[in-house]
Amino acid sequence: MRSVCLDCGQLKAPTAATIDEIARFQLAARRRGCRLELANANPYLVELIGFVGLSDVLRLQARGQAEERKEPGGVEEEGERGDPPTG
């Protein structure tokens, strides 16, 4: 599958609208038989992509190589004070 690289180096303060546009680029690339890869993504963009749940969909590149991303950790529930521990 061919790849299209989107250089995100100029995105200093990405927002939800930025993620929406990137997701649209990904969809358009996929419809044309390509895969979108993001290069030079700053840590905030990487965190935002993970927060909205698109880490598995959007590929990130680190220094010219595809980056393997870890799955985000699970959320641990906290009980109210005085609740007996479960388990």
C-alpha atoms as a PDB file:
ATOM      1  CA  MET A   1       0.000   0.000   0.000  1.00  0.00           C
ATOM      2  CA  ARG A   2       1.346   3.429  -0.908  1.00  0.00           C
ATOM      3  CA  SER A   3       1.833   6.099   1.744  1.00  0.00           C
ATOM      4  CA  VAL A   4       1.168   9.813   1.769  1.00  0.00           C
ATOM      5  CA  CYS A   5       3.205  11.770   4.314  1.00  0.00           C
ATOM      6  CA  LEU A   6       1.730  14.824   6.052  1.00  0.00           C
ATOM      7  CA  ASP A   7       4.395  17.020   7.667  1.00  0.00           C
ATOM      8  CA  CYS A   8       2.908  18.267  10.946  1.00  0.00           C
ATOM      9  CA  GLY A   9       5.977  20.277  11.960  1.00  0.00           C
ATOM     10  CA  GLN A  10       4.187  23.619  11.630  1.00  0.00           C
ATOM     11  CA  LEU A  11       1.280  22.602  13.875  1.00  0.00           C
ATOM     12  CA  LYS A  12       2.301  24.333  17.100  1.00  0.00           C
ATOM     13  CA  ALA A  13      -1.078  24.299  18.902  1.00  0.00           C
ATOM     14  CA  PRO A  14      -3.314  21.620  17.340  1.00  0.00           C
ATOM     15  CA  THR A  15      -6.985  21.558  18.256  1.00  0.00           C
ATOM     16  CA  ALA A  16      -9.913  19.205  17.804  1.00  0.00           C
ATOM     17  CA  ALA A  17     -10.487  20.890  14.426  1.00  0.00           C
ATOM     18  CA  THR A  18      -6.917  19.973  13.446  1.00  0.00           C
ATOM     19  CA  ILE A  19      -7.576  16.334  14.345  1.00  0.00           C
ATOM     20  CA  ASP A  20     -10.811  16.446  12.333  1.00  0.00           C
ATOM     21  CA  GLU A  21      -8.930  17.645   9.238  1.00  0.00           C
ATOM     22  CA  ILE A  22      -6.208  15.018   9.667  1.00  0.00           C
ATOM     23  CA  ALA A  23      -8.873  12.314  10.003  1.00  0.00           C
ATOM     24  CA  ARG A  24     -10.494  13.579   6.781  1.00  0.00           C
ATOM     25  CA  PHE A  25      -7.111  13.395   5.012  1.00  0.00           C
ATOM     26  CA  GLN A  26      -6.749   9.826   6.284  1.00  0.00           C
ATOM     27  CA  LEU A  27     -10.176   8.888   4.948  1.00  0.00           C
ATOM     28  CA  ALA A  28      -9.462  10.464   1.555  1.00  0.00           C
ATOM     29  CA  ALA A  29      -6.097   8.677   1.334  1.00  0.00           C
ATOM     30  CA  ARG A  30      -7.662   5.337   2.255  1.00  0.00           C
ATOM     31  CA  ARG A  31     -10.362   5.759  -0.396  1.00  0.00           C
ATOM     32  CA  ARG A  32      -7.578   6.157  -2.950  1.00  0.00           C
ATOM     33  CA  GLY A  33      -5.756   3.050  -1.750  1.00  0.00           C
ATOM     34  CA  CYS A  34      -3.126   4.917   0.258  1.00  0.00           C
ATOM     35  CA  ARG A  35      -2.234   5.284   3.893  1.00  0.00           C
ATOM     36  CA  LEU A  36      -1.612   8.644   5.590  1.00  0.00           C
ATOM     37  CA  GLU A  37       1.500   8.931   7.745  1.00  0.00           C
ATOM     38  CA  LEU A  38       2.172  11.894  10.009  1.00  0.00           C
ATOM     39  CA  ALA A  39       5.722  13.220  10.282  1.00  0.00           C
ATOM     40  CA  ASN A  40       7.197  15.693  12.785  1.00  0.00           C
ATOM     41  CA  ALA A  41       4.210  15.534  15.121  1.00  0.00           C
ATOM     42  CA  ASN A  42       4.879  17.380  18.359  1.00  0.00           C
ATOM     43  CA  PRO A  43       4.120  15.644  21.676  1.00  0.00           C
ATOM     44  CA  TYR A  44       0.890  17.608  22.160  1.00  0.00           C
ATOM     45  CA  LEU A  45      -0.444  16.427  18.776  1.00  0.00           C
ATOM     46  CA  VAL A  46       0.507  12.828  19.607  1.00  0.00           C
ATOM     47  CA  GLU A  47      -1.278  13.124  22.966  1.00  0.00           C
ATOM     48  CA  LEU A  48      -4.355  14.687  21.351  1.00  0.00           C
ATOM     49  CA  ILE A  49      -4.534  11.912  18.745  1.00  0.00           C
ATOM     50  CA  GLY A  50      -4.425   9.355  21.553  1.00  0.00           C
ATOM     51  CA  PHE A  51      -7.030  11.239  23.575  1.00  0.00           C
ATOM     52  CA  VAL A  52      -9.567  11.159  20.752  1.00  0.00           C
ATOM     53  CA  GLY A  53      -8.861   7.465  20.128  1.00  0.00           C
ATOM     54  CA  LEU A  54      -7.235   7.679  16.700  1.00  0.00           C
ATOM     55  CA  SER A  55      -3.837   6.233  17.591  1.00  0.00           C
ATOM     56  CA  ASP A  56      -4.624   3.000  15.754  1.00  0.00           C
ATOM     57  CA  VAL A  57      -5.878   4.844  12.677  1.00  0.00           C
ATOM     58  CA  LEU A  58      -3.251   7.562  12.223  1.00  0.00           C
ATOM     59  CA  ARG A  59       0.313   6.402  11.707  1.00  0.00           C
ATOM     60  CA  LEU A  60       3.068   8.546  13.164  1.00  0.00           C
ATOM     61  CA  GLN A  61       6.614   8.702  11.873  1.00  0.00           C
ATOM     62  CA  ALA A  62       9.630   9.322  14.077  1.00  0.00           C
ATOM     63  CA  ARG A  63      12.759  10.458  12.278  1.00  0.00           C
ATOM     64  CA  GLY A  64      11.733   8.881   8.993  1.00  0.00           C
ATOM     65  CA  GLN A  65      10.590   5.542  10.434  1.00  0.00           C
ATOM     66  CA  ALA A  66       7.106   4.434  11.407  1.00  0.00           C
ATOM     67  CA  GLU A  67       6.686   4.698  15.160  1.00  0.00           C
ATOM     68  CA  GLU A  68       5.232   1.822  17.113  1.00  0.00           C
ATOM     69  CA  ARG A  69       2.750   3.301  19.540  1.00  0.00           C
ATOM     70  CA  LYS A  70       1.809   1.654  22.803  1.00  0.00           C
ATOM     71  CA  GLU A  71      -1.805   1.292  23.709  1.00  0.00           C
ATOM     72  CA  PRO A  72      -2.839   3.846  26.323  1.00  0.00           C
ATOM     73  CA  GLY A  73      -3.019   2.460  29.829  1.00  0.00           C
ATOM     74  CA  GLY A  74      -6.315   1.452  31.317  1.00  0.00           C
ATOM     75  CA  VAL A  75      -8.286   3.639  33.651  1.00  0.00           C
ATOM     76  CA  GLU A  76      -8.456   2.498  37.223  1.00  0.00           C
ATOM     77  CA  GLU A  77     -11.657   3.207  39.051  1.00  0.00           C
ATOM     78  CA  GLU A  78     -11.447   4.711  42.478  1.00  0.00           C
ATOM     79  CA  GLY A  79     -14.071   4.010  45.101  1.00  0.00           C
ATOM     80  CA  GLU A  80     -15.477   6.382  47.640  1.00  0.00           C
ATOM     81  CA  ARG A  81     -13.796   6.632  51.006  1.00  0.00           C
ATOM     82  CA  GLY A  82     -14.904   3.800  53.180  1.00  0.00           C
ATOM     83  CA  ASP A  83     -15.866   1.505  50.288  1.00  0.00           C
ATOM     84  CA  PRO A  84     -14.500  -2.001  50.779  1.00  0.00           C
ATOM     85  CA  PRO A  85     -11.924  -3.029  48.168  1.00  0.00           C
ATOM     86  CA  THR A  86     -13.240  -5.283  45.414  1.00  0.00           C
ATOM     87  CA  GLY A  87     -11.373  -7.999  43.699  1.00  0.00           C
END
